[in-house]
PDB file of N, CA and C in Angstrom:
ATOM      1  N   UNK A   1      15.522 197.130  -8.937  1.00  0.00           N
ATOM      2  CA  UNK A   1      15.256 195.987  -7.820  1.00  0.00           C
ATOM      3  C   UNK A   1      16.377 195.707  -7.211  1.00  0.00           C
ATOM      4  N   UNK A   2      16.250 195.774  -5.647  1.00  0.00           N
ATOM      5  CA  UNK A   2      17.144 195.194  -4.478  1.00  0.00           C
ATOM      6  C   UNK A   2      16.746 194.050  -3.718  1.00  0.00           C
ATOM      7  N   UNK A   3      17.692 193.379  -3.593  1.00  0.00           N
ATOM      8  CA  UNK A   3      16.853 191.968  -3.055  1.00  0.00           C
ATOM      9  C   UNK A   3      18.237 191.432  -2.343  1.00  0.00           C
ATOM     10  N   UNK A   4      18.132 190.194  -0.961  1.00  0.00           N
ATOM     11  CA  UNK A   4      18.752 190.074  -0.030  1.00  0.00           C
ATOM     12  C   UNK A   4      19.142 188.506  -0.697  1.00  0.00           C
ATOM     13  N   UNK A   5      20.368 187.806  -0.467  1.00  0.00           N
ATOM     14  CA  UNK A   5      20.909 186.612  -0.897  1.00  0.00           C
ATOM     15  C   UNK A   5      21.531 186.102   0.127  1.00  0.00           C
ATOM     16  N   UNK A   6      21.772 184.537  -0.351  1.00  0.00           N
ATOM     17  CA  UNK A   6      22.632 184.317   0.820  1.00  0.00           C
ATOM     18  C   UNK A   6      23.479 183.076  -0.377  1.00  0.00           C
ATOM     19  N   UNK A   7      24.888 183.034  -0.027  1.00  0.00           N
ATOM     20  CA  UNK A   7      25.663 182.383  -0.922  1.00  0.00           C
ATOM     21  C   UNK A   7      26.443 181.160  -0.534  1.00  0.00           C
ATOM     22  N   UNK A   8      26.720 180.205  -1.192  1.00  0.00           N
ATOM     23  CA  UNK A   8      27.331 178.822  -0.607  1.00  0.00           C
ATOM     24  C   UNK A   8      28.401 178.975  -1.805  1.00  0.00           C
ATOM     25  N   UNK A   9      29.619 179.318  -1.583  1.00  0.00           N
ATOM     26  CA  UNK A   9      30.813 178.872  -2.644  1.00  0.00           C
ATOM     27  C   UNK A   9      31.340 177.649  -2.431  1.00  0.00           C
ATOM     28  N   UNK A  10      32.023 176.836  -3.174  1.00  0.00           N
ATOM     29  CA  UNK A  10      32.285 175.758  -2.903  1.00  0.00           C
ATOM     30  C   UNK A  10      31.403 174.454  -3.111  1.00  0.00           C
ATOM     31  N   UNK A  11      30.366 174.961  -3.763  1.00  0.00           N
ATOM     32  CA  UNK A  11      29.249 173.998  -3.879  1.00  0.00           C
ATOM     33  C   UNK A  11      29.864 173.014  -4.918  1.00  0.00           C
ATOM     34  N   UNK A  12      29.418 171.646  -5.109  1.00  0.00           N
ATOM     35  CA  UNK A  12      28.945 170.656  -6.602  1.00  0.00           C
ATOM     36  C   UNK A  12      28.368 171.691  -7.815  1.00  0.00           C
ATOM     37  N   UNK A  13      27.819 172.841  -7.919  1.00  0.00           N
ATOM     38  CA  UNK A  13      27.344 173.157  -8.649  1.00  0.00           C
ATOM     39  C   UNK A  13      26.542 174.716  -8.679  1.00  0.00           C
ATOM     40  N   UNK A  14      26.526 175.085 -10.099  1.00  0.00           N
ATOM     41  CA  UNK A  14      26.333 176.587  -9.973  1.00  0.00           C
ATOM     42  C   UNK A  14      24.852 176.858 -10.358  1.00  0.00           C
ATOM     43  N   UNK A  15      24.038 177.405  -9.340  1.00  0.00           N
ATOM     44  CA  UNK A  15      22.455 177.210  -9.143  1.00  0.00           C
ATOM     45  C   UNK A  15      21.940 178.538  -8.549  1.00  0.00           C
ATOM     46  N   UNK A  16      20.958 178.831  -8.837  1.00  0.00           N
ATOM     47  CA  UNK A  16      20.010 179.998  -8.126  1.00  0.00           C
ATOM     48  C   UNK A  16      18.413 179.368  -7.680  1.00  0.00           C
ATOM     49  N   UNK A  17      18.064 179.336  -6.329  1.00  0.00           N
ATOM     50  CA  UNK A  17      17.271 178.635  -5.832  1.00  0.00           C
ATOM     51  C   UNK A  17      16.594 179.689  -4.815  1.00  0.00           C
ATOM     52  N   UNK A  18      14.901 179.882  -4.955  1.00  0.00           N
ATOM     53  CA  UNK A  18      14.598 180.213  -3.950  1.00  0.00           C
ATOM     54  C   UNK A  18      13.776 179.427  -3.290  1.00  0.00           C
ATOM     55  N   UNK A  19      13.992 179.517  -1.447  1.00  0.00           N
ATOM     56  CA  UNK A  19      13.203 178.977  -1.337  1.00  0.00           C
ATOM     57  C   UNK A  19      12.829 179.447   0.424  1.00  0.00           C
ATOM     58  N   UNK A  20      11.321 179.828   0.875  1.00  0.00           N
ATOM     59  CA  UNK A  20      11.003 180.332   1.889  1.00  0.00           C
ATOM     60  C   UNK A  20      11.122 181.859   1.880  1.00  0.00           C
ATOM     61  N   UNK A  21      11.438 182.620   0.528  1.00  0.00           N
ATOM     62  CA  UNK A  21      11.208 184.196  -0.075  1.00  0.00           C
ATOM     63  C   UNK A  21      13.042 184.407  -0.058  1.00  0.00           C
ATOM     64  N   UNK A  22      13.893 183.570   0.379  1.00  0.00           N
ATOM     65  CA  UNK A  22      15.421 183.466   0.553  1.00  0.00           C
ATOM     66  C   UNK A  22      15.723 183.670  -0.961  1.00  0.00           C
ATOM     67  N   UNK A  23      16.844 184.052  -1.824  1.00  0.00           N
ATOM     68  CA  UNK A  23      17.115 183.573  -2.538  1.00  0.00           C
ATOM     69  C   UNK A  23      18.503 182.631  -2.435  1.00  0.00           C
ATOM     70  N   UNK A  24      19.065 181.565  -2.517  1.00  0.00           N
ATOM     71  CA  UNK A  24      19.921 180.969  -2.071  1.00  0.00           C
ATOM     72  C   UNK A  24      20.978 180.991  -3.557  1.00  0.00           C
ATOM     73  N   UNK A  25      22.019 180.878  -3.833  1.00  0.00           N
ATOM     74  CA  UNK A  25      22.935 180.659  -4.979  1.00  0.00           C
ATOM     75  C   UNK A  25      24.151 179.792  -4.420  1.00  0.00           C
ATOM     76  N   UNK A  26      24.223 178.782  -5.076  1.00  0.00           N
ATOM     77  CA  UNK A  26      25.042 177.979  -4.944  1.00  0.00           C
ATOM     78  C   UNK A  26      26.586 178.091  -5.983  1.00  0.00           C
ATOM     79  N   UNK A  27      27.459 178.570  -5.970  1.00  0.00           N
ATOM     80  CA  UNK A  27      28.662 178.394  -6.751  1.00  0.00           C
ATOM     81  C   UNK A  27      30.069 177.357  -6.567  1.00  0.00           C
ATOM     82  N   UNK A  28      30.701 177.177  -7.610  1.00  0.00           N
ATOM     83  CA  UNK A  28      31.540 176.046  -7.643  1.00  0.00           C
ATOM     84  C   UNK A  28      32.989 176.870  -6.983  1.00  0.00           C
ATOM     85  N   UNK A  29      33.086 178.296  -7.688  1.00  0.00           N
ATOM     86  CA  UNK A  29      34.450 179.233  -6.932  1.00  0.00           C
ATOM     87  C   UNK A  29      34.756 179.360  -5.753  1.00  0.00           C
ATOM     88  N   UNK A  30      35.719 178.994  -4.895  1.00  0.00           N
ATOM     89  CA  UNK A  30      35.931 179.471  -4.159  1.00  0.00           C
ATOM     90  C   UNK A  30      35.689 181.232  -3.352  1.00  0.00           C
ATOM     91  N   UNK A  31      35.381 181.257  -2.308  1.00  0.00           N
ATOM     92  CA  UNK A  31      35.339 182.675  -1.699  1.00  0.00           C
ATOM     93  C   UNK A  31      36.692 183.290  -1.624  1.00  0.00           C
ATOM     94  N   UNK A  32      37.258 183.134  -2.569  1.00  0.00           N
ATOM     95  CA  UNK A  32      38.750 183.979  -2.340  1.00  0.00           C
ATOM     96  C   UNK A  32      39.613 184.598  -3.566  1.00  0.00           C
ATOM     97  N   UNK A  33      39.874 186.070  -3.311  1.00  0.00           N
ATOM     98  CA  UNK A  33      40.192 186.948  -3.926  1.00  0.00           C
ATOM     99  C   UNK A  33      39.003 187.456  -4.826  1.00  0.00           C
ATOM    100  N   UNK A  34      37.898 187.368  -4.579  1.00  0.00           N
ATOM    101  CA  UNK A  34      36.796 187.624  -5.132  1.00  0.00           C
ATOM    102  C   UNK A  34      36.118 187.013  -6.044  1.00  0.00           C
ATOM    103  N   UNK A  35      36.986 185.463  -6.583  1.00  0.00           N
ATOM    104  CA  UNK A  35      36.302 184.557  -7.717  1.00  0.00           C
ATOM    105  C   UNK A  35      34.627 184.274  -7.431  1.00  0.00           C
ATOM    106  N   UNK A  36      34.534 184.212  -5.929  1.00  0.00           N
ATOM    107  CA  UNK A  36      32.870 183.341  -5.557  1.00  0.00           C
ATOM    108  C   UNK A  36      32.072 185.347  -6.034  1.00  0.00           C
ATOM    109  N   UNK A  37      32.356 186.171  -6.066  1.00  0.00           N
ATOM    110  CA  UNK A  37      31.514 187.519  -6.341  1.00  0.00           C
ATOM    111  C   UNK A  37      31.443 187.663  -7.757  1.00  0.00           C
ATOM    112  N   UNK A  38      32.733 187.645  -8.601  1.00  0.00           N
ATOM    113  CA  UNK A  38      32.761 187.315  -9.654  1.00  0.00           C
ATOM    114  C   UNK A  38      31.677 186.345 -10.338  1.00  0.00           C
ATOM    115  N   UNK A  39      31.501 185.017 -10.063  1.00  0.00           N
ATOM    116  CA  UNK A  39      31.199 184.312 -10.618  1.00  0.00           C
ATOM    117  C   UNK A  39      29.630 184.481 -10.072  1.00  0.00           C
ATOM    118  N   UNK A  40      29.103 185.184  -8.958  1.00  0.00           N
ATOM    119  CA  UNK A  40      27.526 185.511  -8.634  1.00  0.00           C
ATOM    120  C   UNK A  40      27.261 186.392  -9.539  1.00  0.00           C
ATOM    121  N   UNK A  41      28.108 187.334  -9.958  1.00  0.00           N
ATOM    122  CA  UNK A  41      27.716 188.614 -10.866  1.00  0.00           C
ATOM    123  C   UNK A  41      27.213 187.901 -12.233  1.00  0.00           C
ATOM    124  N   UNK A  42      28.084 187.003 -12.346  1.00  0.00           N
ATOM    125  CA  UNK A  42      27.665 186.560 -14.118  1.00  0.00           C
ATOM    126  C   UNK A  42      26.573 185.545 -13.887  1.00  0.00           C
ATOM    127  N   UNK A  43      26.462 184.571 -12.993  1.00  0.00           N
ATOM    128  CA  UNK A  43      25.635 183.804 -12.573  1.00  0.00           C
ATOM    129  C   UNK A  43      23.867 184.588 -12.410  1.00  0.00           C
ATOM    130  N   UNK A  44      24.138 185.239 -11.883  1.00  0.00           N
ATOM    131  CA  UNK A  44      22.970 185.902 -11.482  1.00  0.00           C
ATOM    132  C   UNK A  44      22.211 186.907 -12.760  1.00  0.00           C
ATOM    133  N   UNK A  45      23.484 187.831 -13.294  1.00  0.00           N
ATOM    134  CA  UNK A  45      22.659 188.536 -14.802  1.00  0.00           C
ATOM    135  C   UNK A  45      22.329 187.407 -15.416  1.00  0.00           C
ATOM    136  N   UNK A  46      22.881 186.294 -15.927  1.00  0.00           N
ATOM    137  CA  UNK A  46      22.520 185.125 -16.845  1.00  0.00           C
ATOM    138  C   UNK A  46      21.056 184.757 -16.139  1.00  0.00           C
ATOM    139  N   UNK A  47      20.531 184.640 -15.085  1.00  0.00           N
ATOM    140  CA  UNK A  47      19.773 184.078 -14.197  1.00  0.00           C
ATOM    141  C   UNK A  47      18.348 185.339 -14.548  1.00  0.00           C
ATOM    142  N   UNK A  48      18.803 186.363 -14.553  1.00  0.00           N
ATOM    143  CA  UNK A  48      17.760 187.470 -14.895  1.00  0.00           C
ATOM    144  C   UNK A  48      17.608 188.027 -15.761  1.00  0.00           C
ATOM    145  N   UNK A  49      18.649 187.481 -16.777  1.00  0.00           N
ATOM    146  CA  UNK A  49      18.872 188.005 -18.152  1.00  0.00           C
ATOM    147  C   UNK A  49      18.893 189.368 -18.799  1.00  0.00           C
ATOM    148  N   UNK A  50      19.979 189.867 -17.630  1.00  0.00           N
ATOM    149  CA  UNK A  50      20.572 191.278 -17.506  1.00  0.00           C
ATOM    150  C   UNK A  50      22.113 191.635 -17.960  1.00  0.00           C
ATOM    151  N   UNK A  51      22.643 192.313 -18.379  1.00  0.00           N
ATOM    152  CA  UNK A  51      23.968 192.568 -18.620  1.00  0.00           C
ATOM    153  C   UNK A  51      25.031 192.743 -17.368  1.00  0.00           C
ATOM    154  N   UNK A  52      26.276 192.085 -17.379  1.00  0.00           N
ATOM    155  CA  UNK A  52      26.872 191.934 -15.663  1.00  0.00           C
ATOM    156  C   UNK A  52      26.973 193.442 -15.437  1.00  0.00           C
ATOM    157  N   UNK A  53      26.834 194.511 -15.805  1.00  0.00           N
ATOM    158  CA  UNK A  53      26.759 195.621 -15.410  1.00  0.00           C
ATOM    159  C   UNK A  53      25.498 196.192 -14.757  1.00  0.00           C
ATOM    160  N   UNK A  54      24.927 195.923 -15.052  1.00  0.00           N
ATOM    161  CA  UNK A  54      23.379 195.358 -14.680  1.00  0.00           C
ATOM    162  C   UNK A  54      23.068 194.960 -13.065  1.00  0.00           C
ATOM    163  N   UNK A  55      24.360 194.211 -12.750  1.00  0.00           N
ATOM    164  CA  UNK A  55      24.065 193.341 -11.653  1.00  0.00           C
ATOM    165  C   UNK A  55      25.517 194.001 -10.652  1.00  0.00           C
ATOM    166  N   UNK A  56      24.624 194.661  -9.610  1.00  0.00           N
ATOM    167  CA  UNK A  56      25.847 194.401  -8.257  1.00  0.00           C
ATOM    168  C   UNK A  56      25.734 194.413  -7.059  1.00  0.00           C
ATOM    169  N   UNK A  57      26.749 194.111  -6.431  1.00  0.00           N
ATOM    170  CA  UNK A  57      26.579 194.116  -5.063  1.00  0.00           C
ATOM    171  C   UNK A  57      26.790 195.208  -4.348  1.00  0.00           C
ATOM    172  N   UNK A  58      25.783 195.723  -3.392  1.00  0.00           N
ATOM    173  CA  UNK A  58      25.763 196.620  -2.566  1.00  0.00           C
ATOM    174  C   UNK A  58      26.055 197.080  -1.153  1.00  0.00           C
ATOM    175  N   UNK A  59      25.832 195.257  -0.420  1.00  0.00           N
ATOM    176  CA  UNK A  59      26.318 195.117   0.946  1.00  0.00           C
ATOM    177  C   UNK A  59      26.735 193.392   1.023  1.00  0.00           C
ATOM    178  N   UNK A  60      27.889 193.642   1.638  1.00  0.00           N
ATOM    179  CA  UNK A  60      28.315 191.990   2.203  1.00  0.00           C
ATOM    180  C   UNK A  60      29.429 191.619   1.362  1.00  0.00           C
ATOM    181  N   UNK A  61      30.082 192.766   0.754  1.00  0.00           N
ATOM    182  CA  UNK A  61      31.297 191.937  -0.381  1.00  0.00           C
ATOM    183  C   UNK A  61      31.983 190.859   0.083  1.00  0.00           C
ATOM    184  N   UNK A  62      32.562 190.764   1.574  1.00  0.00           N
ATOM    185  CA  UNK A  62      32.997 189.543   1.917  1.00  0.00           C
ATOM    186  C   UNK A  62      32.127 188.644   3.051  1.00  0.00           C
ATOM    187  N   UNK A  63      30.921 188.731   2.975  1.00  0.00           N
ATOM    188  CA  UNK A  63      30.328 187.818   3.871  1.00  0.00           C
ATOM    189  C   UNK A  63      29.212 186.519   2.966  1.00  0.00           C
ATOM    190  N   UNK A  64      28.273 186.080   3.094  1.00  0.00           N
ATOM    191  CA  UNK A  64      27.521 184.969   2.299  1.00  0.00           C
ATOM    192  C   UNK A  64      26.130 186.209   2.335  1.00  0.00           C
ATOM    193  N   UNK A  65      25.864 186.392   3.265  1.00  0.00           N
ATOM    194  CA  UNK A  65      24.514 187.155   2.892  1.00  0.00           C
ATOM    195  C   UNK A  65      24.989 188.674   2.461  1.00  0.00           C
ATOM    196  N   UNK A  66      24.188 188.754   1.177  1.00  0.00           N
ATOM    197  CA  UNK A  66      24.622 190.068   0.809  1.00  0.00           C
ATOM    198  C   UNK A  66      23.635 190.615  -0.228  1.00  0.00           C
ATOM    199  N   UNK A  67      23.218 191.897  -0.075  1.00  0.00           N
ATOM    200  CA  UNK A  67      22.293 192.809  -0.530  1.00  0.00           C
ATOM    201  C   UNK A  67      22.743 193.193  -2.442  1.00  0.00           C
ATOM    202  N   UNK A  68      21.863 192.468  -3.152  1.00  0.00           N
ATOM    203  CA  UNK A  68      22.235 193.101  -4.727  1.00  0.00           C
ATOM    204  C   UNK A  68      21.476 193.996  -4.982  1.00  0.00           C
ATOM    205  N   UNK A  69      21.871 194.303  -6.373  1.00  0.00           N
ATOM    206  CA  UNK A  69      21.031 195.693  -6.693  1.00  0.00           C
ATOM    207  C   UNK A  69      21.137 195.461  -8.237  1.00  0.00           C
ATOM    208  N   UNK A  70      19.780 195.156  -8.798  1.00  0.00           N
ATOM    209  CA  UNK A  70      19.706 194.856 -10.132  1.00  0.00           C
ATOM    210  C   UNK A  70      18.837 195.984 -10.876  1.00  0.00           C
ATOM    211  N   UNK A  71      19.598 196.538 -11.971  1.00  0.00           N
ATOM    212  CA  UNK A  71      18.837 197.612 -13.061  1.00  0.00           C
ATOM    213  C   UNK A  71      17.986 197.106 -13.937  1.00  0.00           C
ATOM    214  N   UNK A  72      16.864 197.078 -13.744  1.00  0.00           N
ATOM    215  CA  UNK A  72      16.306 196.537 -15.051  1.00  0.00           C
ATOM    216  C   UNK A  72      15.315 197.422 -16.156  1.00  0.00           C
ATOM    217  N   UNK A  73      15.952 198.650 -15.627  1.00  0.00           N
ATOM    218  CA  UNK A  73      15.745 199.728 -16.829  1.00  0.00           C
ATOM    219  C   UNK A  73      16.118 199.899 -17.754  1.00  0.00           C
TER     220      UNK A  73
END
């Protein structure tokens, strides 16, 4: 499964929301030295009930707009 998300680092909460067909992920970690990306993978894997290695960033490693792949097999 592949989907687009928008990341909001340094937010006051950790949350995954879907609005108007776009998935928004709010993270408390800053976008510095990969901290936000690591937290993003952990949060999405918990939200999707998958292992961390089953969720990866395909595109947008240094952008707020990302393409995520989740291996649900």
